[in-house]
N, C-alpha and C. Protein backbone atom coordinates (compact mmCIF):
# COMPACT_ATOMS: atom_id res chain seq x y z
N MET A 1 9.19 -15.64 -11.39
CA MET A 1 7.67 -15.32 -11.35
C MET A 1 6.96 -16.28 -12.38
N VAL A 2 7.88 -17.08 -13.23
CA VAL A 2 6.88 -17.83 -14.04
C VAL A 2 6.23 -18.80 -13.25
N PRO A 3 6.85 -19.84 -12.26
CA PRO A 3 5.80 -20.50 -11.54
C PRO A 3 4.50 -19.81 -10.80
N VAL A 4 4.68 -18.66 -10.36
CA VAL A 4 3.73 -17.97 -9.78
C VAL A 4 2.57 -17.67 -10.86
N GLY A 5 2.92 -17.74 -11.87
CA GLY A 5 2.02 -17.42 -13.16
C GLY A 5 1.07 -18.65 -13.28
N TRP A 6 1.98 -19.66 -13.32
CA TRP A 6 0.82 -20.85 -13.28
C TRP A 6 0.31 -21.32 -12.42
N LEU A 7 0.49 -20.57 -11.19
CA LEU A 7 -0.26 -21.00 -9.85
C LEU A 7 -1.66 -19.95 -9.86
N GLY A 8 -1.51 -19.17 -10.98
CA GLY A 8 -2.93 -18.51 -10.91
C GLY A 8 -2.82 -16.80 -11.09
N LEU A 9 -1.40 -16.48 -11.12
CA LEU A 9 -1.09 -14.97 -11.00
C LEU A 9 -1.47 -14.64 -12.75
N ASP A 10 -1.29 -15.36 -13.62
CA ASP A 10 -1.74 -14.75 -14.96
C ASP A 10 -3.07 -14.70 -15.30
N ARG A 11 -3.74 -15.45 -14.47
CA ARG A 11 -5.38 -15.47 -14.56
C ARG A 11 -5.64 -14.24 -13.81
N ALA A 12 -5.37 -14.17 -12.63
CA ALA A 12 -5.36 -12.72 -11.79
C ALA A 12 -5.06 -11.48 -12.61
N ARG A 13 -4.17 -11.38 -13.24
CA ARG A 13 -3.77 -10.38 -14.04
C ARG A 13 -4.81 -9.97 -15.16
N HIS A 14 -5.22 -11.00 -15.81
CA HIS A 14 -6.22 -11.04 -16.78
C HIS A 14 -7.63 -10.34 -16.31
N ARG A 15 -7.86 -10.91 -14.84
CA ARG A 15 -9.11 -10.55 -14.32
C ARG A 15 -8.96 -8.97 -14.14
N LEU A 16 -7.92 -8.48 -13.56
CA LEU A 16 -7.67 -7.37 -13.00
C LEU A 16 -7.88 -6.27 -14.21
N VAL A 17 -7.59 -6.41 -15.24
CA VAL A 17 -8.16 -5.44 -16.40
C VAL A 17 -9.27 -5.78 -17.15
N GLU A 18 -9.76 -6.87 -17.01
CA GLU A 18 -11.22 -6.97 -17.57
C GLU A 18 -12.41 -6.15 -17.60
N GLY A 19 -12.84 -5.73 -18.78
CA GLY A 19 -14.00 -4.71 -18.62
C GLY A 19 -13.51 -3.46 -18.60
N LEU A 20 -12.13 -3.18 -18.62
CA LEU A 20 -11.86 -1.67 -18.31
C LEU A 20 -12.01 -0.93 -19.67
N SER A 21 -12.18 0.41 -19.54
CA SER A 21 -12.30 1.24 -20.84
C SER A 21 -11.69 2.72 -20.54
N GLY A 22 -11.57 3.52 -21.40
CA GLY A 22 -10.98 4.65 -21.33
C GLY A 22 -9.73 4.95 -20.97
N ARG A 23 -9.37 6.06 -20.47
CA ARG A 23 -7.75 6.27 -20.20
C ARG A 23 -7.57 5.41 -18.61
N VAL A 24 -6.44 4.65 -18.83
CA VAL A 24 -5.83 3.71 -17.87
C VAL A 24 -4.50 4.30 -17.42
N LEU A 25 -4.26 4.42 -15.97
CA LEU A 25 -3.06 4.50 -15.41
C LEU A 25 -2.69 3.20 -14.60
N GLU A 26 -1.46 2.72 -15.06
CA GLU A 26 -0.98 1.58 -14.61
C GLU A 26 0.43 1.94 -13.52
N VAL A 27 0.15 1.67 -12.40
CA VAL A 27 1.12 2.23 -11.27
C VAL A 27 1.97 0.94 -11.20
N GLY A 28 3.21 1.18 -11.24
CA GLY A 28 4.33 0.04 -11.08
C GLY A 28 4.03 -1.11 -11.97
N THR A 29 4.47 -0.74 -13.28
CA THR A 29 4.34 -1.52 -14.50
C THR A 29 5.36 -2.46 -14.47
N GLY A 30 6.60 -2.41 -13.75
CA GLY A 30 7.63 -3.30 -13.96
C GLY A 30 7.95 -3.60 -15.36
N THR A 31 8.07 -4.76 -15.49
CA THR A 31 8.41 -5.36 -16.98
C THR A 31 7.46 -5.30 -17.93
N GLY A 32 6.36 -4.71 -17.59
CA GLY A 32 5.08 -4.76 -18.61
C GLY A 32 4.27 -5.69 -18.84
N LEU A 33 3.99 -6.62 -18.09
CA LEU A 33 3.18 -7.97 -18.09
C LEU A 33 1.79 -7.87 -18.36
N LEU A 34 1.19 -6.60 -17.95
CA LEU A 34 -0.26 -6.62 -18.15
C LEU A 34 -0.59 -6.27 -19.51
N SER A 35 -1.69 -6.79 -20.09
CA SER A 35 -2.28 -6.47 -21.37
C SER A 35 -3.68 -6.24 -21.28
N TYR A 36 -4.04 -5.03 -21.90
CA TYR A 36 -5.62 -4.30 -21.71
C TYR A 36 -6.38 -4.69 -23.09
N PRO A 37 -7.68 -4.74 -22.56
CA PRO A 37 -8.66 -5.01 -23.69
C PRO A 37 -8.66 -3.89 -24.53
N PRO A 38 -9.10 -3.96 -25.89
CA PRO A 38 -9.32 -3.05 -26.87
C PRO A 38 -10.24 -1.97 -26.49
N SER A 39 -11.16 -2.12 -25.36
CA SER A 39 -11.86 -0.98 -24.83
C SER A 39 -10.96 0.21 -24.22
N VAL A 40 -10.08 -0.29 -23.95
CA VAL A 40 -9.11 0.88 -23.22
C VAL A 40 -8.51 1.70 -24.23
N SER A 41 -8.75 3.13 -24.26
CA SER A 41 -8.29 3.98 -25.23
C SER A 41 -6.64 4.38 -25.18
N SER A 42 -6.45 4.47 -23.87
CA SER A 42 -4.86 4.85 -23.73
C SER A 42 -4.47 4.25 -22.15
N VAL A 43 -2.94 3.90 -22.35
CA VAL A 43 -2.49 3.40 -20.97
C VAL A 43 -1.11 4.19 -20.78
N VAL A 44 -1.31 4.93 -19.63
CA VAL A 44 0.00 5.47 -19.19
C VAL A 44 0.52 4.50 -18.03
N ALA A 45 1.75 4.02 -18.17
CA ALA A 45 2.37 3.10 -17.23
C ALA A 45 3.47 3.61 -16.52
N ILE A 46 3.44 3.59 -15.25
CA ILE A 46 4.54 4.13 -14.19
C ILE A 46 5.50 3.24 -13.68
N ASP A 47 6.60 3.53 -13.44
CA ASP A 47 7.48 2.83 -12.62
C ASP A 47 8.65 3.67 -12.00
N ILE A 48 9.13 3.43 -10.88
CA ILE A 48 10.37 4.31 -10.34
C ILE A 48 11.59 3.72 -10.80
N ASP A 49 11.47 2.64 -11.40
CA ASP A 49 12.73 1.93 -11.69
C ASP A 49 13.21 2.20 -13.30
N PRO A 50 14.11 2.67 -13.78
CA PRO A 50 14.43 3.07 -15.32
C PRO A 50 14.82 1.67 -15.92
N GLU A 51 15.23 0.85 -15.36
CA GLU A 51 15.82 -0.26 -15.91
C GLU A 51 14.40 -1.21 -16.18
N LEU A 52 13.44 -1.41 -15.30
CA LEU A 52 12.20 -2.03 -15.51
C LEU A 52 11.47 -1.39 -16.63
N LEU A 53 11.60 -0.07 -16.66
CA LEU A 53 10.65 0.70 -17.59
C LEU A 53 11.43 0.40 -19.12
N ASP A 54 12.70 0.08 -19.16
CA ASP A 54 13.51 -0.28 -20.32
C ASP A 54 12.93 -1.50 -20.85
N ARG A 55 12.68 -2.31 -19.92
CA ARG A 55 12.56 -3.79 -20.36
C ARG A 55 10.94 -3.74 -20.66
N ALA A 56 10.31 -2.95 -20.19
CA ALA A 56 8.69 -2.74 -20.33
C ALA A 56 8.53 -2.14 -21.93
N SER A 57 9.29 -1.26 -22.31
CA SER A 57 9.28 -0.75 -23.39
C SER A 57 9.23 -1.66 -24.62
N HIS A 58 9.93 -2.93 -24.27
CA HIS A 58 9.95 -3.79 -25.53
C HIS A 58 8.86 -4.65 -25.56
N ARG A 59 8.10 -4.69 -24.34
CA ARG A 59 6.85 -5.48 -24.39
C ARG A 59 5.47 -4.55 -24.87
N ARG A 60 5.45 -3.38 -24.65
CA ARG A 60 4.45 -2.76 -24.65
C ARG A 60 4.50 -1.30 -25.49
N PRO A 61 4.31 -1.87 -26.86
CA PRO A 61 4.24 -0.63 -27.82
C PRO A 61 2.76 -0.07 -27.78
N GLY A 62 2.85 1.26 -28.03
CA GLY A 62 1.59 1.94 -27.71
C GLY A 62 1.14 2.22 -26.50
N VAL A 63 2.14 1.89 -25.25
CA VAL A 63 1.75 2.48 -24.17
C VAL A 63 2.65 3.81 -23.60
N THR A 64 2.10 4.85 -23.14
CA THR A 64 3.17 5.75 -22.71
C THR A 64 3.87 5.23 -21.38
N LEU A 65 5.27 5.07 -21.29
CA LEU A 65 5.88 4.73 -20.11
C LEU A 65 6.58 5.91 -19.71
N MET A 66 6.57 6.13 -18.32
CA MET A 66 6.97 7.21 -17.50
C MET A 66 7.65 6.93 -16.11
N ARG A 67 8.91 7.34 -16.07
CA ARG A 67 9.26 7.21 -14.48
C ARG A 67 8.48 8.26 -13.53
N ALA A 68 7.99 7.61 -12.70
CA ALA A 68 7.18 8.42 -11.73
C ALA A 68 6.86 7.59 -10.57
N ASP A 69 6.52 8.21 -9.34
CA ASP A 69 6.27 7.37 -8.10
C ASP A 69 4.74 7.80 -7.62
N VAL A 70 4.14 6.69 -7.41
CA VAL A 70 2.75 6.71 -7.07
C VAL A 70 2.55 7.87 -5.95
N GLN A 71 3.64 8.19 -5.25
CA GLN A 71 3.52 9.02 -3.99
C GLN A 71 3.31 10.42 -4.36
N GLN A 72 3.65 10.64 -5.65
CA GLN A 72 3.75 12.09 -6.05
C GLN A 72 3.49 12.07 -7.63
N LEU A 73 2.23 11.73 -7.81
CA LEU A 73 2.07 11.54 -9.34
C LEU A 73 1.84 12.87 -10.26
N PRO A 74 2.44 13.00 -11.24
CA PRO A 74 2.75 13.92 -12.24
C PRO A 74 1.47 14.42 -13.02
N PHE A 75 0.19 14.23 -12.59
CA PHE A 75 -1.05 14.19 -13.48
C PHE A 75 -1.92 15.10 -12.87
N PRO A 76 -2.80 15.73 -13.66
CA PRO A 76 -3.73 16.66 -13.10
C PRO A 76 -4.91 15.85 -12.47
N ASN A 77 -5.81 16.44 -11.41
CA ASN A 77 -6.88 15.73 -10.86
C ASN A 77 -7.61 15.19 -11.88
N GLY A 78 -8.31 14.29 -11.59
CA GLY A 78 -9.46 13.60 -12.67
C GLY A 78 -8.78 13.06 -13.81
N SER A 79 -7.53 12.56 -13.99
CA SER A 79 -7.19 12.42 -15.32
C SER A 79 -7.65 10.89 -15.95
N PHE A 80 -7.85 10.01 -15.03
CA PHE A 80 -7.85 8.75 -15.23
C PHE A 80 -9.24 8.17 -15.19
N ASP A 81 -9.69 7.28 -16.08
CA ASP A 81 -11.19 6.45 -15.84
C ASP A 81 -10.74 5.33 -14.79
N ALA A 82 -9.42 4.86 -14.73
CA ALA A 82 -9.14 3.77 -13.97
C ALA A 82 -7.88 3.85 -13.52
N VAL A 83 -7.17 2.94 -12.41
CA VAL A 83 -5.79 2.92 -12.12
C VAL A 83 -5.79 1.46 -11.60
N VAL A 84 -4.60 0.90 -12.10
CA VAL A 84 -4.39 -0.48 -12.06
C VAL A 84 -3.05 -0.52 -11.10
N ALA A 85 -2.99 -1.39 -10.40
CA ALA A 85 -1.74 -1.64 -9.59
C ALA A 85 -1.73 -3.22 -9.37
N CYS A 86 -0.69 -3.69 -9.85
CA CYS A 86 -0.55 -5.27 -9.56
C CYS A 86 0.89 -5.69 -8.75
N LEU A 87 0.70 -5.86 -7.70
CA LEU A 87 1.80 -6.23 -6.86
C LEU A 87 2.72 -5.04 -6.44
N VAL A 88 2.04 -4.04 -6.52
CA VAL A 88 2.79 -2.79 -6.13
C VAL A 88 2.90 -2.43 -4.66
N PHE A 89 1.68 -2.35 -4.03
CA PHE A 89 1.75 -1.57 -2.69
C PHE A 89 2.41 -2.16 -1.57
N CYS A 90 2.77 -3.27 -1.72
CA CYS A 90 3.72 -3.98 -0.80
C CYS A 90 5.19 -3.39 -0.71
N THR A 91 5.46 -2.61 -1.65
CA THR A 91 6.79 -2.02 -1.79
C THR A 91 6.69 -0.43 -1.63
N VAL A 92 5.48 0.21 -1.60
CA VAL A 92 5.44 1.55 -1.78
C VAL A 92 5.61 2.21 -0.06
N GLU A 93 6.85 3.00 -0.04
CA GLU A 93 6.98 3.31 1.32
C GLU A 93 5.87 3.87 2.18
N ASP A 94 4.96 4.82 1.55
CA ASP A 94 3.83 5.48 2.31
C ASP A 94 2.70 4.87 1.61
N PRO A 95 2.02 3.99 1.74
CA PRO A 95 0.91 3.47 0.92
C PRO A 95 -0.20 4.43 0.96
N ALA A 96 -0.53 5.10 2.15
CA ALA A 96 -1.69 5.87 2.39
C ALA A 96 -1.40 7.26 1.42
N ARG A 97 -0.29 7.48 1.49
CA ARG A 97 0.23 8.64 0.48
C ARG A 97 -0.20 8.38 -1.17
N GLY A 98 0.20 6.95 -1.59
CA GLY A 98 0.06 6.66 -2.61
C GLY A 98 -1.37 6.40 -3.19
N LEU A 99 -2.10 6.03 -2.06
CA LEU A 99 -3.69 5.83 -2.37
C LEU A 99 -4.18 7.14 -2.45
N ALA A 100 -3.78 8.13 -1.61
CA ALA A 100 -4.30 9.41 -1.90
C ALA A 100 -4.16 10.10 -3.14
N GLU A 101 -2.88 9.95 -3.66
CA GLU A 101 -2.49 10.23 -5.26
C GLU A 101 -3.43 9.63 -5.96
N ILE A 102 -3.58 8.48 -5.98
CA ILE A 102 -4.51 7.74 -6.84
C ILE A 102 -5.83 8.30 -6.92
N ARG A 103 -6.40 8.39 -5.76
CA ARG A 103 -7.73 8.89 -5.63
C ARG A 103 -7.70 10.20 -6.41
N ARG A 104 -6.82 11.21 -5.94
CA ARG A 104 -6.85 12.40 -6.76
C ARG A 104 -6.79 12.32 -8.21
N VAL A 105 -6.16 11.37 -8.89
CA VAL A 105 -5.91 11.46 -10.22
C VAL A 105 -7.34 10.73 -11.04
N LEU A 106 -8.09 9.90 -10.06
CA LEU A 106 -9.24 9.24 -10.62
C LEU A 106 -10.22 10.46 -10.83
N ARG A 107 -10.90 10.35 -12.04
CA ARG A 107 -12.20 11.07 -12.39
C ARG A 107 -13.08 10.59 -11.61
N PRO A 108 -14.23 11.30 -11.22
CA PRO A 108 -15.36 10.94 -10.70
C PRO A 108 -16.09 9.57 -11.12
N GLY A 109 -16.49 8.64 -10.44
CA GLY A 109 -16.63 7.34 -10.76
C GLY A 109 -15.60 6.37 -11.23
N GLY A 110 -14.53 6.92 -11.40
CA GLY A 110 -13.37 5.95 -11.98
C GLY A 110 -13.22 4.83 -10.66
N GLN A 111 -12.35 3.78 -11.10
CA GLN A 111 -12.12 2.76 -10.48
C GLN A 111 -10.69 2.49 -10.10
N LEU A 112 -10.19 2.06 -9.03
CA LEU A 112 -9.11 1.62 -8.49
C LEU A 112 -9.11 0.05 -8.50
N ARG A 113 -8.10 -0.81 -9.25
CA ARG A 113 -8.10 -2.00 -9.44
C ARG A 113 -6.53 -2.42 -8.80
N LEU A 114 -6.79 -3.28 -7.92
CA LEU A 114 -5.68 -3.77 -7.33
C LEU A 114 -5.29 -5.25 -6.86
N LEU A 115 -4.37 -5.79 -7.18
CA LEU A 115 -3.86 -7.17 -7.05
C LEU A 115 -2.66 -7.32 -6.07
N GLU A 116 -3.01 -7.67 -4.90
CA GLU A 116 -1.87 -7.52 -3.96
C GLU A 116 -1.55 -8.75 -2.90
N HIS A 117 -0.61 -9.09 -2.49
CA HIS A 117 -0.36 -9.98 -1.56
C HIS A 117 -0.66 -9.37 -0.24
N VAL A 118 -1.12 -9.86 0.62
CA VAL A 118 -1.55 -9.44 1.93
C VAL A 118 -1.36 -10.17 3.22
N ARG A 119 -1.38 -9.64 4.18
CA ARG A 119 -1.22 -10.11 5.57
C ARG A 119 -2.27 -11.24 5.70
N SER A 120 -1.91 -12.31 6.12
CA SER A 120 -2.95 -13.52 6.27
C SER A 120 -4.12 -12.98 7.42
N PRO A 121 -4.93 -13.57 7.18
CA PRO A 121 -6.15 -13.53 8.52
C PRO A 121 -5.92 -14.86 9.26
N HIS A 122 -4.71 -15.76 9.27
CA HIS A 122 -4.70 -16.75 9.84
C HIS A 122 -3.60 -16.34 10.77
N PRO A 123 -3.80 -16.23 12.19
CA PRO A 123 -2.59 -15.79 13.06
C PRO A 123 -1.32 -16.40 12.90
N THR A 124 -1.29 -17.92 12.77
CA THR A 124 -0.09 -18.45 12.62
C THR A 124 0.81 -18.04 11.36
N VAL A 125 0.15 -17.94 10.20
CA VAL A 125 0.61 -17.48 9.04
C VAL A 125 1.02 -16.03 9.15
N ALA A 126 0.34 -15.04 9.64
CA ALA A 126 0.71 -13.71 9.92
C ALA A 126 1.85 -13.53 10.76
N ARG A 127 2.02 -14.18 11.77
CA ARG A 127 3.00 -14.35 12.62
C ARG A 127 4.56 -14.86 11.67
N LEU A 128 4.42 -15.81 10.98
CA LEU A 128 5.27 -16.07 10.01
C LEU A 128 5.80 -15.10 8.89
N GLN A 129 4.67 -14.30 8.55
CA GLN A 129 4.90 -13.25 7.65
C GLN A 129 5.61 -11.99 8.36
N ASP A 130 5.23 -11.91 9.39
CA ASP A 130 6.11 -10.71 10.22
C ASP A 130 7.50 -11.27 10.64
N ARG A 131 7.82 -12.45 10.78
CA ARG A 131 9.17 -12.90 10.95
C ARG A 131 10.02 -12.63 9.80
N LEU A 132 9.28 -13.23 8.73
CA LEU A 132 9.92 -13.14 7.36
C LEU A 132 10.24 -12.02 6.48
N THR A 133 9.11 -10.81 6.83
CA THR A 133 9.29 -9.68 6.25
C THR A 133 10.65 -8.83 6.29
N PRO A 134 11.60 -8.98 7.37
CA PRO A 134 12.69 -8.05 7.32
C PRO A 134 13.92 -8.44 6.31
N VAL A 135 13.77 -9.86 6.38
CA VAL A 135 14.65 -10.42 5.28
C VAL A 135 14.26 -10.33 3.71
N TRP A 136 13.03 -10.64 3.79
CA TRP A 136 12.13 -10.51 2.42
C TRP A 136 12.30 -9.21 1.77
N SER A 137 12.32 -8.20 2.69
CA SER A 137 12.27 -6.86 2.07
C SER A 137 13.38 -6.41 1.59
N ARG A 138 14.46 -6.87 2.43
CA ARG A 138 15.87 -6.57 1.98
C ARG A 138 16.34 -7.16 0.40
N LEU A 139 15.51 -8.70 0.02
CA LEU A 139 15.91 -9.25 -0.94
C LEU A 139 14.95 -8.92 -2.05
N ALA A 140 13.67 -8.21 -1.79
CA ALA A 140 12.80 -8.02 -2.93
C ALA A 140 12.17 -6.61 -2.78
N MET A 141 13.47 -5.76 -3.06
CA MET A 141 13.00 -4.26 -3.17
C MET A 141 11.91 -3.65 -2.24
N GLY A 142 12.40 -4.14 -1.13
CA GLY A 142 11.42 -3.30 -0.07
C GLY A 142 9.94 -4.09 0.16
N CYS A 143 9.62 -5.06 -0.47
CA CYS A 143 8.39 -5.85 -0.32
C CYS A 143 8.01 -6.06 0.84
N GLN A 144 6.96 -5.95 1.60
CA GLN A 144 6.49 -6.07 2.88
C GLN A 144 5.30 -7.31 2.83
N LEU A 145 5.53 -8.25 3.09
CA LEU A 145 4.91 -9.44 3.15
C LEU A 145 3.36 -9.66 3.99
N ASN A 146 3.59 -8.73 4.80
CA ASN A 146 2.65 -8.57 6.13
C ASN A 146 1.78 -7.22 5.90
N ARG A 147 1.75 -6.61 4.97
CA ARG A 147 1.13 -5.43 4.85
C ARG A 147 -0.58 -5.74 4.74
N ASP A 148 -1.27 -4.94 5.45
CA ASP A 148 -2.90 -5.29 5.38
C ASP A 148 -3.43 -4.04 4.68
N THR A 149 -3.44 -4.55 3.26
CA THR A 149 -3.84 -3.66 2.36
C THR A 149 -5.42 -3.13 2.61
N VAL A 150 -6.16 -4.05 2.60
CA VAL A 150 -7.75 -3.71 2.61
C VAL A 150 -8.19 -2.48 3.59
N PRO A 151 -7.69 -2.61 4.87
CA PRO A 151 -8.08 -1.42 5.74
C PRO A 151 -7.34 -0.16 5.09
N LEU A 152 -6.09 -0.11 4.60
CA LEU A 152 -5.51 1.03 4.14
C LEU A 152 -6.02 1.51 2.86
N VAL A 153 -6.87 0.86 2.00
CA VAL A 153 -7.61 1.21 0.88
C VAL A 153 -8.68 1.87 1.44
N GLU A 154 -9.31 1.22 2.46
CA GLU A 154 -10.96 1.79 2.84
C GLU A 154 -10.49 3.27 3.80
N ALA A 155 -9.32 3.20 4.29
CA ALA A 155 -9.10 4.33 5.11
C ALA A 155 -8.44 5.62 4.29
N SER A 156 -8.26 5.33 3.00
CA SER A 156 -7.86 6.23 2.14
C SER A 156 -8.87 6.87 1.44
N GLY A 157 -10.02 6.60 1.57
CA GLY A 157 -11.33 7.16 0.77
C GLY A 157 -11.82 6.69 -0.16
N PHE A 158 -11.71 5.12 -0.16
CA PHE A 158 -12.13 4.39 -1.32
C PHE A 158 -13.23 3.22 -0.62
N ARG A 159 -14.22 2.84 -1.57
CA ARG A 159 -15.17 1.73 -1.03
C ARG A 159 -15.14 0.47 -1.95
N ILE A 160 -14.91 -0.39 -1.41
CA ILE A 160 -14.36 -1.70 -2.12
C ILE A 160 -15.89 -2.30 -2.59
N THR A 161 -15.80 -2.10 -3.94
CA THR A 161 -17.02 -2.74 -4.53
C THR A 161 -16.81 -4.16 -4.89
N HIS A 162 -15.79 -4.79 -4.98
CA HIS A 162 -15.26 -6.19 -5.15
C HIS A 162 -14.05 -6.71 -4.63
N ARG A 163 -14.27 -7.77 -4.16
CA ARG A 163 -13.18 -8.39 -3.05
C ARG A 163 -13.06 -9.93 -3.35
N ALA A 164 -11.99 -10.54 -3.89
CA ALA A 164 -11.54 -11.76 -4.08
C ALA A 164 -10.48 -12.29 -3.44
N GLN A 165 -10.34 -13.25 -2.51
CA GLN A 165 -9.34 -13.70 -2.08
C GLN A 165 -8.71 -15.01 -2.79
N ARG A 166 -7.52 -15.05 -2.88
CA ARG A 166 -6.89 -15.92 -3.74
C ARG A 166 -5.66 -16.63 -2.88
N LEU A 167 -5.51 -17.80 -3.71
CA LEU A 167 -3.97 -18.40 -2.80
C LEU A 167 -4.03 -18.58 -1.39
N ARG A 168 -5.28 -19.14 -0.85
CA ARG A 168 -5.40 -19.44 0.50
C ARG A 168 -5.47 -17.95 1.18
N GLU A 169 -5.91 -16.99 0.87
CA GLU A 169 -6.29 -15.65 1.30
C GLU A 169 -5.00 -14.87 1.60
N LEU A 170 -4.03 -15.45 0.63
CA LEU A 170 -2.54 -14.42 0.80
C LEU A 170 -2.76 -13.29 -0.47
N VAL A 171 -3.58 -13.49 -1.22
CA VAL A 171 -3.49 -12.36 -2.39
C VAL A 171 -5.10 -11.91 -2.53
N GLU A 172 -5.44 -10.54 -2.76
CA GLU A 172 -6.38 -9.97 -2.71
C GLU A 172 -6.46 -9.33 -4.02
N GLU A 173 -7.62 -9.60 -4.72
CA GLU A 173 -8.21 -8.63 -5.98
C GLU A 173 -9.45 -7.67 -5.47
N LEU A 174 -9.02 -6.60 -5.66
CA LEU A 174 -9.87 -5.46 -5.15
C LEU A 174 -10.21 -4.41 -6.27
N VAL A 175 -11.53 -4.22 -6.40
CA VAL A 175 -12.03 -3.07 -7.32
C VAL A 175 -12.50 -2.16 -6.20
N ALA A 176 -12.22 -0.84 -6.39
CA ALA A 176 -12.43 0.10 -5.27
C ALA A 176 -12.93 1.46 -6.09
N VAL A 177 -13.75 2.11 -5.47
CA VAL A 177 -14.24 3.50 -6.07
C VAL A 177 -14.12 4.45 -5.05
N PRO A 178 -13.68 5.79 -5.58
CA PRO A 178 -13.61 6.75 -4.41
C PRO A 178 -15.12 7.35 -3.90
N VAL A 179 -15.05 7.40 -2.50
CA VAL A 179 -16.25 7.96 -1.63
C VAL A 179 -16.20 9.34 -1.76
């Protein structure tokens, strides 16, 4: 992933958390590459993979790490001021269920911030993504290259307040609020 970071992923990760404050839930922390501004009072970071959580624990002192699935979050309603997910929803088995859980744990007025690679709006590239996804999915923990994330977010009861397309429209940065 280091070369992808050089191509802009590191900057995108920084933008994803810029200006956040309060209590944050990070979904799919992986190896713990995100770094939050001082205005964030606490971070709970979850992942379903215990090995990734172990690696994250070495990078993330002061962050509460938990093994949990976004499709069944172990938190009360309205627990978080923001939820952050970076390159996660491509692997979630039932993204609508995961987004519904995020909506449930966000406090009123809270934000969902997503950074996801998405289905290309260009038909030729989208067809290529469709062809590559079955093989890629087996190699990359179930990752779906062709997932159309923006309509999923909107259909899950969120209004997108900020949207930026990156890397030739293959990556979306989204900020959304529950409606």
